[in-house]
C-alpha atoms as a PDB file:
ATOM      1  CA  UNK A   1      85.444  91.164  88.009  1.00  0.00           C
ATOM      2  CA  UNK A   2      84.681  94.747  86.988  1.00  0.00           C
ATOM      3  CA  UNK A   3      83.761  98.027  88.657  1.00  0.00           C
ATOM      4  CA  UNK A   4      80.521  99.950  88.275  1.00  0.00           C
ATOM      5  CA  UNK A   5      80.941 103.486  89.565  1.00  0.00           C
ATOM      6  CA  UNK A   6      79.022 106.707  90.069  1.00  0.00           C
ATOM      7  CA  UNK A   7      80.162 110.129  91.282  1.00  0.00           C
ATOM      8  CA  UNK A   8      78.651 113.430  92.352  1.00  0.00           C
ATOM      9  CA  UNK A   9      80.329 116.732  93.285  1.00  0.00           C
ATOM     10  CA  UNK A  10      78.317 119.739  94.444  1.00  0.00           C
ATOM     11  CA  UNK A  11      79.436 123.149  95.769  1.00  0.00           C
ATOM     12  CA  UNK A  12      76.853 122.894  98.544  1.00  0.00           C
ATOM     13  CA  UNK A  13      74.495 125.599  99.760  1.00  0.00           C
ATOM     14  CA  UNK A  14      76.988 128.031 101.322  1.00  0.00           C
ATOM     15  CA  UNK A  15      80.113 128.210  99.170  1.00  0.00           C
ATOM     16  CA  UNK A  16      80.019 129.633  95.659  1.00  0.00           C
ATOM     17  CA  UNK A  17      83.177 127.803  94.512  1.00  0.00           C
ATOM     18  CA  UNK A  18      83.694 124.049  94.450  1.00  0.00           C
ATOM     19  CA  UNK A  19      87.241 123.386  95.655  1.00  0.00           C
ATOM     20  CA  UNK A  20      86.755 119.607  95.466  1.00  0.00           C
ATOM     21  CA  UNK A  21      87.822 117.426  92.576  1.00  0.00           C
ATOM     22  CA  UNK A  22      87.824 113.723  91.771  1.00  0.00           C
ATOM     23  CA  UNK A  23      89.488 111.137  89.554  1.00  0.00           C
ATOM     24  CA  UNK A  24      87.487 108.458  87.779  1.00  0.00           C
ATOM     25  CA  UNK A  25      89.962 106.055  86.200  1.00  0.00           C
ATOM     26  CA  UNK A  26      91.257 108.583  83.662  1.00  0.00           C
ATOM     27  CA  UNK A  27      88.754 111.444  83.983  1.00  0.00           C
ATOM     28  CA  UNK A  28      88.521 114.405  86.337  1.00  0.00           C
ATOM     29  CA  UNK A  29      86.564 117.653  86.664  1.00  0.00           C
ATOM     30  CA  UNK A  30      87.935 120.494  84.566  1.00  0.00           C
ATOM     31  CA  UNK A  31      87.412 124.168  85.373  1.00  0.00           C
ATOM     32  CA  UNK A  32      84.189 124.340  83.362  1.00  0.00           C
ATOM     33  CA  UNK A  33      82.680 121.222  84.947  1.00  0.00           C
ATOM     34  CA  UNK A  34      83.225 122.631  88.437  1.00  0.00           C
ATOM     35  CA  UNK A  35      80.965 125.608  87.834  1.00  0.00           C
ATOM     36  CA  UNK A  36      77.861 123.430  88.208  1.00  0.00           C
ATOM     37  CA  UNK A  37      76.916 120.256  90.089  1.00  0.00           C
ATOM     38  CA  UNK A  38      78.877 117.381  88.523  1.00  0.00           C
ATOM     39  CA  UNK A  39      77.605 113.860  87.861  1.00  0.00           C
ATOM     40  CA  UNK A  40      79.244 110.880  86.172  1.00  0.00           C
ATOM     41  CA  UNK A  41      78.792 107.117  85.999  1.00  0.00           C
ATOM     42  CA  UNK A  42      80.405 104.247  84.153  1.00  0.00           C
ATOM     43  CA  UNK A  43      82.177 100.890  84.193  1.00  0.00           C
ATOM     44  CA  UNK A  44      85.856 100.023  84.479  1.00  0.00           C
ATOM     45  CA  UNK A  45      87.967  96.913  84.026  1.00  0.00           C
ATOM     46  CA  UNK A  46      90.699  96.020  86.510  1.00  0.00           C
ATOM     47  CA  UNK A  47      93.100  97.537  87.371  1.00  0.00           C
ATOM     48  CA  UNK A  48      91.392 100.883  87.936  1.00  0.00           C
ATOM     49  CA  UNK A  49      92.077 103.989  89.998  1.00  0.00           C
ATOM     50  CA  UNK A  50      89.716 106.415  91.752  1.00  0.00           C
ATOM     51  CA  UNK A  51      90.291 109.410  94.033  1.00  0.00           C
ATOM     52  CA  UNK A  52      88.696 112.374  95.801  1.00  0.00           C
ATOM     53  CA  UNK A  53      90.633 115.609  96.430  1.00  0.00           C
ATOM     54  CA  UNK A  54      89.425 118.430  98.696  1.00  0.00           C
ATOM     55  CA  UNK A  55      91.256 121.678  97.972  1.00  0.00           C
ATOM     56  CA  UNK A  56      92.315 124.204 100.612  1.00  0.00           C
ATOM     57  CA  UNK A  57      93.398 127.801 100.337  1.00  0.00           C
ATOM     58  CA  UNK A  58      90.158 129.479  99.435  1.00  0.00           C
ATOM     59  CA  UNK A  59      88.797 130.405  96.018  1.00  0.00           C
ATOM     60  CA  UNK A  60      90.984 129.739  93.022  1.00  0.00           C
ATOM     61  CA  UNK A  61      93.942 128.495  95.101  1.00  0.00           C
ATOM     62  CA  UNK A  62      92.119 125.529  96.656  1.00  0.00           C
ATOM     63  CA  UNK A  63      90.381 124.832  93.377  1.00  0.00           C
ATOM     64  CA  UNK A  64      93.723 124.785  91.523  1.00  0.00           C
ATOM     65  CA  UNK A  65      95.367 122.565  94.145  1.00  0.00           C
ATOM     66  CA  UNK A  66      92.741 119.814  93.917  1.00  0.00           C
ATOM     67  CA  UNK A  67      92.610 120.104  90.118  1.00  0.00           C
ATOM     68  CA  UNK A  68      96.392 119.698  89.962  1.00  0.00           C
ATOM     69  CA  UNK A  69      96.263 116.569  92.115  1.00  0.00           C
ATOM     70  CA  UNK A  70      93.427 115.022  90.113  1.00  0.00           C
ATOM     71  CA  UNK A  71      94.940 115.840  86.714  1.00  0.00           C
ATOM     72  CA  UNK A  72      98.357 114.465  87.696  1.00  0.00           C
ATOM     73  CA  UNK A  73      96.838 111.061  88.442  1.00  0.00           C
ATOM     74  CA  UNK A  74      96.285 110.505  84.730  1.00  0.00           C
ATOM     75  CA  UNK A  75     100.055 110.555  84.171  1.00  0.00           C
ATOM     76  CA  UNK A  76     100.717 108.490  87.293  1.00  0.00           C
ATOM     77  CA  UNK A  77      98.022 105.845  86.794  1.00  0.00           C
ATOM     78  CA  UNK A  78     100.084 103.446  84.682  1.00  0.00           C
ATOM     79  CA  UNK A  79     102.938 103.391  87.207  1.00  0.00           C
ATOM     80  CA  UNK A  80     100.567 102.931  90.161  1.00  0.00           C
ATOM     81  CA  UNK A  81      98.449 100.255  88.453  1.00  0.00           C
ATOM     82  CA  UNK A  82     101.432  98.191  87.342  1.00  0.00           C
ATOM     83  CA  UNK A  83     103.475  98.477  90.537  1.00  0.00           C
ATOM     84  CA  UNK A  84     102.216  95.323  92.228  1.00  0.00           C
ATOM     85  CA  UNK A  85     101.185  94.914  95.887  1.00  0.00           C
ATOM     86  CA  UNK A  86     104.670  95.373  97.373  1.00  0.00           C
ATOM     87  CA  UNK A  87     105.555  98.440  95.290  1.00  0.00           C
ATOM     88  CA  UNK A  88     102.111 100.085  95.244  1.00  0.00           C
ATOM     89  CA  UNK A  89     102.765 102.402  98.204  1.00  0.00           C
ATOM     90  CA  UNK A  90     106.052 103.593  96.703  1.00  0.00           C
ATOM     91  CA  UNK A  91     104.327 104.325  93.373  1.00  0.00           C
ATOM     92  CA  UNK A  92     101.504 106.257  95.070  1.00  0.00           C
ATOM     93  CA  UNK A  93     103.953 108.292  97.120  1.00  0.00           C
ATOM     94  CA  UNK A  94     106.054 109.021  94.054  1.00  0.00           C
ATOM     95  CA  UNK A  95     102.923 110.687  92.672  1.00  0.00           C
ATOM     96  CA  UNK A  96     102.275 112.422  96.023  1.00  0.00           C
ATOM     97  CA  UNK A  97     105.813 113.845  96.081  1.00  0.00           C
ATOM     98  CA  UNK A  98     105.455 115.118  92.521  1.00  0.00           C
ATOM     99  CA  UNK A  99     102.169 116.918  93.261  1.00  0.00           C
ATOM    100  CA  UNK A 100     103.472 118.283  96.556  1.00  0.00           C
ATOM    101  CA  UNK A 101     106.495 119.753  94.772  1.00  0.00           C
ATOM    102  CA  UNK A 102     104.239 121.429  92.194  1.00  0.00           C
ATOM    103  CA  UNK A 103     102.090 122.952  94.934  1.00  0.00           C
ATOM    104  CA  UNK A 104     105.122 124.148  96.903  1.00  0.00           C
ATOM    105  CA  UNK A 105     106.555 125.867  93.817  1.00  0.00           C
ATOM    106  CA  UNK A 106     103.215 127.606  93.246  1.00  0.00           C
ATOM    107  CA  UNK A 107     103.015 128.721  96.880  1.00  0.00           C
ATOM    108  CA  UNK A 108     106.499 130.224  96.749  1.00  0.00           C
ATOM    109  CA  UNK A 109     105.601 132.093  93.573  1.00  0.00           C
ATOM    110  CA  UNK A 110     102.281 133.399  94.906  1.00  0.00           C
ATOM    111  CA  UNK A 111     103.374 133.782  98.533  1.00  0.00           C
ATOM    112  CA  UNK A 112     100.137 132.087  99.587  1.00  0.00           C
ATOM    113  CA  UNK A 113      99.249 128.731 101.126  1.00  0.00           C
ATOM    114  CA  UNK A 114      97.232 126.103  99.287  1.00  0.00           C
ATOM    115  CA  UNK A 115      96.834 122.359  99.469  1.00  0.00           C
ATOM    116  CA  UNK A 116      94.557 119.401  98.963  1.00  0.00           C
ATOM    117  CA  UNK A 117      93.565 116.213 100.699  1.00  0.00           C
ATOM    118  CA  UNK A 118      93.724 112.887  98.892  1.00  0.00           C
ATOM    119  CA  UNK A 119      91.615 109.727  99.205  1.00  0.00           C
ATOM    120  CA  UNK A 120      92.772 107.197  96.607  1.00  0.00           C
ATOM    121  CA  UNK A 121      91.839 103.589  95.876  1.00  0.00           C
ATOM    122  CA  UNK A 122      93.520 101.193  93.469  1.00  0.00           C
ATOM    123  CA  UNK A 123      91.405  98.147  92.616  1.00  0.00           C
ATOM    124  CA  UNK A 124      93.351  95.349  90.929  1.00  0.00           C
ATOM    125  CA  UNK A 125      93.227  91.558  90.675  1.00  0.00           C
ATOM    126  CA  UNK A 126      95.477  91.457  93.747  1.00  0.00           C
ATOM    127  CA  UNK A 127      92.963  93.381  95.874  1.00  0.00           C
ATOM    128  CA  UNK A 128      91.888  96.839  97.011  1.00  0.00           C
ATOM    129  CA  UNK A 129      94.593  99.292  98.059  1.00  0.00           C
ATOM    130  CA  UNK A 130      93.389 102.417  99.967  1.00  0.00           C
ATOM    131  CA  UNK A 131      95.535 105.520 100.619  1.00  0.00           C
ATOM    132  CA  UNK A 132      94.730 108.904 102.160  1.00  0.00           C
ATOM    133  CA  UNK A 133      96.349 112.163 103.167  1.00  0.00           C
ATOM    134  CA  UNK A 134      94.012 114.463 105.079  1.00  0.00           C
ATOM    135  CA  UNK A 135      90.398 114.020 106.173  1.00  0.00           C
ATOM    136  CA  UNK A 136      88.749 112.795 102.982  1.00  0.00           C
ATOM    137  CA  UNK A 137      87.571 109.285 103.787  1.00  0.00           C
ATOM    138  CA  UNK A 138      87.308 105.787 102.330  1.00  0.00           C
ATOM    139  CA  UNK A 139      84.603 103.352 103.450  1.00  0.00           C
ATOM    140  CA  UNK A 140      83.841  99.750 102.500  1.00  0.00           C
ATOM    141  CA  UNK A 141      80.435  98.069 102.594  1.00  0.00           C
ATOM    142  CA  UNK A 142      80.793  94.285 102.963  1.00  0.00           C
ATOM    143  CA  UNK A 143      77.934  91.900 103.748  1.00  0.00           C
ATOM    144  CA  UNK A 144      75.766  94.853 104.719  1.00  0.00           C
ATOM    145  CA  UNK A 145      78.271  96.234 107.233  1.00  0.00           C
ATOM    146  CA  UNK A 146      79.944  99.635 106.836  1.00  0.00           C
ATOM    147  CA  UNK A 147      83.633  99.882 107.689  1.00  0.00           C
ATOM    148  CA  UNK A 148      85.799 102.998 107.747  1.00  0.00           C
ATOM    149  CA  UNK A 149      89.065 102.033 106.041  1.00  0.00           C
ATOM    150  CA  UNK A 150      90.932 105.317 106.490  1.00  0.00           C
ATOM    151  CA  UNK A 151      91.910 107.510 109.419  1.00  0.00           C
ATOM    152  CA  UNK A 152      91.457 111.291 109.508  1.00  0.00           C
ATOM    153  CA  UNK A 153      94.796 113.101 109.642  1.00  0.00           C
ATOM    154  CA  UNK A 154      93.688 115.892 111.983  1.00  0.00           C
ATOM    155  CA  UNK A 155      94.774 117.207 115.359  1.00  0.00           C
ATOM    156  CA  UNK A 156      91.354 116.356 116.793  1.00  0.00           C
ATOM    157  CA  UNK A 157      91.622 112.704 115.752  1.00  0.00           C
ATOM    158  CA  UNK A 158      95.075 112.540 117.333  1.00  0.00           C
ATOM    159  CA  UNK A 159      93.358 113.512 120.599  1.00  0.00           C
ATOM    160  CA  UNK A 160      90.850 110.696 120.036  1.00  0.00           C
ATOM    161  CA  UNK A 161      93.700 108.196 119.587  1.00  0.00           C
ATOM    162  CA  UNK A 162      95.274 109.499 122.811  1.00  0.00           C
ATOM    163  CA  UNK A 163      91.994 108.923 124.662  1.00  0.00           C
ATOM    164  CA  UNK A 164      91.406 112.614 125.389  1.00  0.00           C
ATOM    165  CA  UNK A 165      88.155 112.757 123.402  1.00  0.00           C
ATOM    166  CA  UNK A 166      85.584 110.459 121.914  1.00  0.00           C
ATOM    167  CA  UNK A 167      85.026 111.076 118.203  1.00  0.00           C
ATOM    168  CA  UNK A 168      81.691 112.717 119.017  1.00  0.00           C
ATOM    169  CA  UNK A 169      83.452 115.135 121.386  1.00  0.00           C
ATOM    170  CA  UNK A 170      86.232 115.720 118.840  1.00  0.00           C
ATOM    171  CA  UNK A 171      83.704 116.912 116.264  1.00  0.00           C
ATOM    172  CA  UNK A 172      83.022 119.934 118.466  1.00  0.00           C
ATOM    173  CA  UNK A 173      86.711 120.654 119.068  1.00  0.00           C
ATOM    174  CA  UNK A 174      88.382 123.631 117.363  1.00  0.00           C
ATOM    175  CA  UNK A 175      91.035 121.234 115.984  1.00  0.00           C
ATOM    176  CA  UNK A 176      88.513 119.107 114.056  1.00  0.00           C
ATOM    177  CA  UNK A 177      89.582 120.585 110.701  1.00  0.00           C
ATOM    178  CA  UNK A 178      93.274 121.182 111.488  1.00  0.00           C
ATOM    179  CA  UNK A 179      95.063 118.758 109.175  1.00  0.00           C
ATOM    180  CA  UNK A 180      98.303 117.023 110.108  1.00  0.00           C
ATOM    181  CA  UNK A 181      98.890 115.526 106.653  1.00  0.00           C
ATOM    182  CA  UNK A 182      97.948 116.750 103.146  1.00  0.00           C
ATOM    183  CA  UNK A 183      99.486 117.682  99.798  1.00  0.00           C
ATOM    184  CA  UNK A 184     100.956 121.177  99.944  1.00  0.00           C
ATOM    185  CA  UNK A 185     103.497 120.918 102.771  1.00  0.00           C
ATOM    186  CA  UNK A 186     106.983 122.404 102.462  1.00  0.00           C
ATOM    187  CA  UNK A 187     109.855 119.911 102.912  1.00  0.00           C
ATOM    188  CA  UNK A 188     111.193 121.736 105.976  1.00  0.00           C
ATOM    189  CA  UNK A 189     107.812 121.401 107.706  1.00  0.00           C
ATOM    190  CA  UNK A 190     107.527 117.621 107.465  1.00  0.00           C
ATOM    191  CA  UNK A 191     107.913 114.715 105.056  1.00  0.00           C
ATOM    192  CA  UNK A 192     104.629 114.237 103.250  1.00  0.00           C
ATOM    193  CA  UNK A 193     103.316 110.860 102.138  1.00  0.00           C
ATOM    194  CA  UNK A 194      99.946 109.197 101.787  1.00  0.00           C
ATOM    195  CA  UNK A 195      99.125 106.629 104.449  1.00  0.00           C
ATOM    196  CA  UNK A 196      98.509 103.095 103.197  1.00  0.00           C
ATOM    197  CA  UNK A 197      95.702 101.227 104.930  1.00  0.00           C
ATOM    198  CA  UNK A 198      94.875  97.522 105.108  1.00  0.00           C
ATOM    199  CA  UNK A 199      94.616  95.801 101.745  1.00  0.00           C
ATOM    200  CA  UNK A 200      91.237  94.159 101.127  1.00  0.00           C
ATOM    201  CA  UNK A 201      90.474  91.062  99.091  1.00  0.00           C
ATOM    202  CA  UNK A 202      88.027  91.416  96.211  1.00  0.00           C
ATOM    203  CA  UNK A 203      84.469  90.391  97.028  1.00  0.00           C
ATOM    204  CA  UNK A 204      81.565  90.466  94.592  1.00  0.00           C
ATOM    205  CA  UNK A 205      78.917  92.950  95.650  1.00  0.00           C
ATOM    206  CA  UNK A 206      81.290  94.946  97.857  1.00  0.00           C
ATOM    207  CA  UNK A 207      80.885  98.711  97.663  1.00  0.00           C
ATOM    208  CA  UNK A 208      83.474 101.404  98.319  1.00  0.00           C
ATOM    209  CA  UNK A 209      82.799 105.066  99.109  1.00  0.00           C
ATOM    210  CA  UNK A 210      85.360 107.850  98.676  1.00  0.00           C
ATOM    211  CA  UNK A 211      84.172 111.220  99.948  1.00  0.00           C
ATOM    212  CA  UNK A 212      85.174 114.692 101.089  1.00  0.00           C
ATOM    213  CA  UNK A 213      84.373 116.006 104.562  1.00  0.00           C
ATOM    214  CA  UNK A 214      81.446 117.940 103.129  1.00  0.00           C
ATOM    215  CA  UNK A 215      79.601 114.637 103.533  1.00  0.00           C
ATOM    216  CA  UNK A 216      81.088 113.223 106.732  1.00  0.00           C
ATOM    217  CA  UNK A 217      80.884 116.466 108.721  1.00  0.00           C
ATOM    218  CA  UNK A 218      77.101 116.415 108.343  1.00  0.00           C
ATOM    219  CA  UNK A 219      76.051 112.791 107.895  1.00  0.00           C
ATOM    220  CA  UNK A 220      76.720 110.106 110.500  1.00  0.00           C
ATOM    221  CA  UNK A 221      78.352 106.796 109.624  1.00  0.00           C
ATOM    222  CA  UNK A 222      75.125 104.963 110.468  1.00  0.00           C
ATOM    223  CA  UNK A 223      73.191 107.067 107.979  1.00  0.00           C
ATOM    224  CA  UNK A 224      75.959 106.760 105.376  1.00  0.00           C
ATOM    225  CA  UNK A 225      75.687 102.984 105.732  1.00  0.00           C
ATOM    226  CA  UNK A 226      71.914 103.047 105.222  1.00  0.00           C
ATOM    227  CA  UNK A 227      72.195 105.120 102.067  1.00  0.00           C
ATOM    228  CA  UNK A 228      75.152 103.171 100.672  1.00  0.00           C
ATOM    229  CA  UNK A 229      73.270  99.877 100.961  1.00  0.00           C
ATOM    230  CA  UNK A 230      70.298 100.990  98.903  1.00  0.00           C
ATOM    231  CA  UNK A 231      69.786 101.142  95.142  1.00  0.00           C
ATOM    232  CA  UNK A 232      72.381 101.365  92.399  1.00  0.00           C
ATOM    233  CA  UNK A 233      75.676 103.245  92.791  1.00  0.00           C
ATOM    234  CA  UNK A 234      74.043 106.214  91.036  1.00  0.00           C
ATOM    235  CA  UNK A 235      71.106 106.163  93.423  1.00  0.00           C
ATOM    236  CA  UNK A 236      73.487 105.864  96.378  1.00  0.00           C
ATOM    237  CA  UNK A 237      75.617 108.904  95.425  1.00  0.00           C
ATOM    238  CA  UNK A 238      72.454 110.909  94.747  1.00  0.00           C
ATOM    239  CA  UNK A 239      71.051 109.990  98.163  1.00  0.00           C
ATOM    240  CA  UNK A 240      74.312 110.744  99.985  1.00  0.00           C
ATOM    241  CA  UNK A 241      74.661 114.139  98.304  1.00  0.00           C
ATOM    242  CA  UNK A 242      71.040 115.069  98.990  1.00  0.00           C
ATOM    243  CA  UNK A 243      71.376 114.023 102.637  1.00  0.00           C
ATOM    244  CA  UNK A 244      74.319 116.390 103.126  1.00  0.00           C
ATOM    245  CA  UNK A 245      72.391 119.165 101.361  1.00  0.00           C
ATOM    246  CA  UNK A 246      69.349 118.639 103.563  1.00  0.00           C
ATOM    247  CA  UNK A 247      71.568 118.925 106.627  1.00  0.00           C
ATOM    248  CA  UNK A 248      72.841 122.347 105.572  1.00  0.00           C
ATOM    249  CA  UNK A 249      75.304 121.737 102.731  1.00  0.00           C
ATOM    250  CA  UNK A 250      77.829 124.018 104.450  1.00  0.00           C
ATOM    251  CA  UNK A 251      80.814 122.708 102.450  1.00  0.00           C
ATOM    252  CA  UNK A 252      81.535 121.243  99.029  1.00  0.00           C
ATOM    253  CA  UNK A 253      80.264 117.662  98.790  1.00  0.00           C
ATOM    254  CA  UNK A 254      81.962 114.972  96.695  1.00  0.00           C
ATOM    255  CA  UNK A 255      81.092 111.259  96.709  1.00  0.00           C
ATOM    256  CA  UNK A 256      82.346 108.380  94.567  1.00  0.00           C
ATOM    257  CA  UNK A 257      80.697 104.957  94.947  1.00  0.00           C
ATOM    258  CA  UNK A 258      82.256 101.807  93.462  1.00  0.00           C
ATOM    259  CA  UNK A 259      80.596  98.405  93.244  1.00  0.00           C
ATOM    260  CA  UNK A 260      82.507  95.193  92.485  1.00  0.00           C
ATOM    261  CA  UNK A 261      80.641  93.167  89.884  1.00  0.00           C
ATOM    262  CA  UNK A 262      81.344  89.813  88.217  1.00  0.00           C
ATOM    263  CA  UNK A 263      82.193  89.556  84.518  1.00  0.00           C
ATOM    264  CA  UNK A 264      83.507  92.064  82.026  1.00  0.00           C
ATOM    265  CA  UNK A 265      82.318  95.694  81.590  1.00  0.00           C
ATOM    266  CA  UNK A 266      79.072  96.066  79.645  1.00  0.00           C
ATOM    267  CA  UNK A 267      80.745  97.952  76.786  1.00  0.00           C
ATOM    268  CA  UNK A 268      83.343  95.228  76.322  1.00  0.00           C
ATOM    269  CA  UNK A 269      80.705  92.507  76.617  1.00  0.00           C
ATOM    270  CA  UNK A 270      78.550  94.160  73.951  1.00  0.00           C
ATOM    271  CA  UNK A 271      81.583  94.412  71.658  1.00  0.00           C
ATOM    272  CA  UNK A 272      82.445  90.738  72.205  1.00  0.00           C
ATOM    273  CA  UNK A 273      78.829  89.764  71.583  1.00  0.00           C
ATOM    274  CA  UNK A 274      78.888  91.612  68.237  1.00  0.00           C
ATOM    275  CA  UNK A 275      82.158  89.920  67.265  1.00  0.00           C
ATOM    276  CA  UNK A 276      80.767  86.494  68.211  1.00  0.00           C
ATOM    277  CA  UNK A 277      77.532  87.146  66.322  1.00  0.00           C
ATOM    278  CA  UNK A 278      79.467  88.188  63.211  1.00  0.00           C
ATOM    279  CA  UNK A 279      81.736  85.150  63.508  1.00  0.00           C
ATOM    280  CA  UNK A 280      78.764  82.785  63.805  1.00  0.00           C
ATOM    281  CA  UNK A 281      77.158  84.370  60.748  1.00  0.00           C
ATOM    282  CA  UNK A 282      80.358  83.836  58.737  1.00  0.00           C
ATOM    283  CA  UNK A 283      80.492  80.188  59.804  1.00  0.00           C
ATOM    284  CA  UNK A 284      76.893  79.692  58.653  1.00  0.00           C
ATOM    285  CA  UNK A 285      77.699  81.250  55.271  1.00  0.00           C
ATOM    286  CA  UNK A 286      80.708  78.931  54.848  1.00  0.00           C
ATOM    287  CA  UNK A 287      78.571  75.886  55.649  1.00  0.00           C
ATOM    288  CA  UNK A 288      75.926  77.020  53.191  1.00  0.00           C
END
């Protein structure tokens, strides 16, 4: 089984700076790429790692925080991918601690707050392992049904869990964007770690969506499900991004769509086909 993926990141219609970033199994947005709408697509063999990071702090601080988190995943990917199901959470939170320490050192030096959310998915032969810190979300589309895998770490969602609000009511609450967990928290404030959610088994045709709240603040889950079902992963991320833009685009918008496909990645398959073709030609020459 392999992964076909597509990603889009857009500053939206209100903000001039894109404080979001993403990680696509070894690649992320650099400072130059963030100055314009970003698009990428490709294939990946298992195990593979994807993430969305939504920076906080305003301007260059939020931008730097999410860039730091995305860039650090390249160094951490091998440890996370090879950890195995029982050690996966420890490997992810080793990375989280490292990034949090970097951000805390920068905040002390600048005397300013900054941070970033994290929505991370490891896809391996053992299954799908979702982790989040903050309000960037992870969804799964299985057999045509959309399922939210993650839980928003906000004060408003705590009120929903307590039965004080419905989620619809919570969206209008002043605590909707007040995060209770993210990267960029000093040790004396609380112990920071990413929350591990239920492991999923691999299923051909399943789609995963990782996204920042620039999408989910404006587009309902029902509409997200409709758009995620249709077309290729590239068409789906285009449609999701455009939907958020049409509804005001008030925040940065980042979407990553993954589709689980049978077989080996196209690039590897084409290479193997060339090798096989060359081998067959050599056999024919020997027989001649």
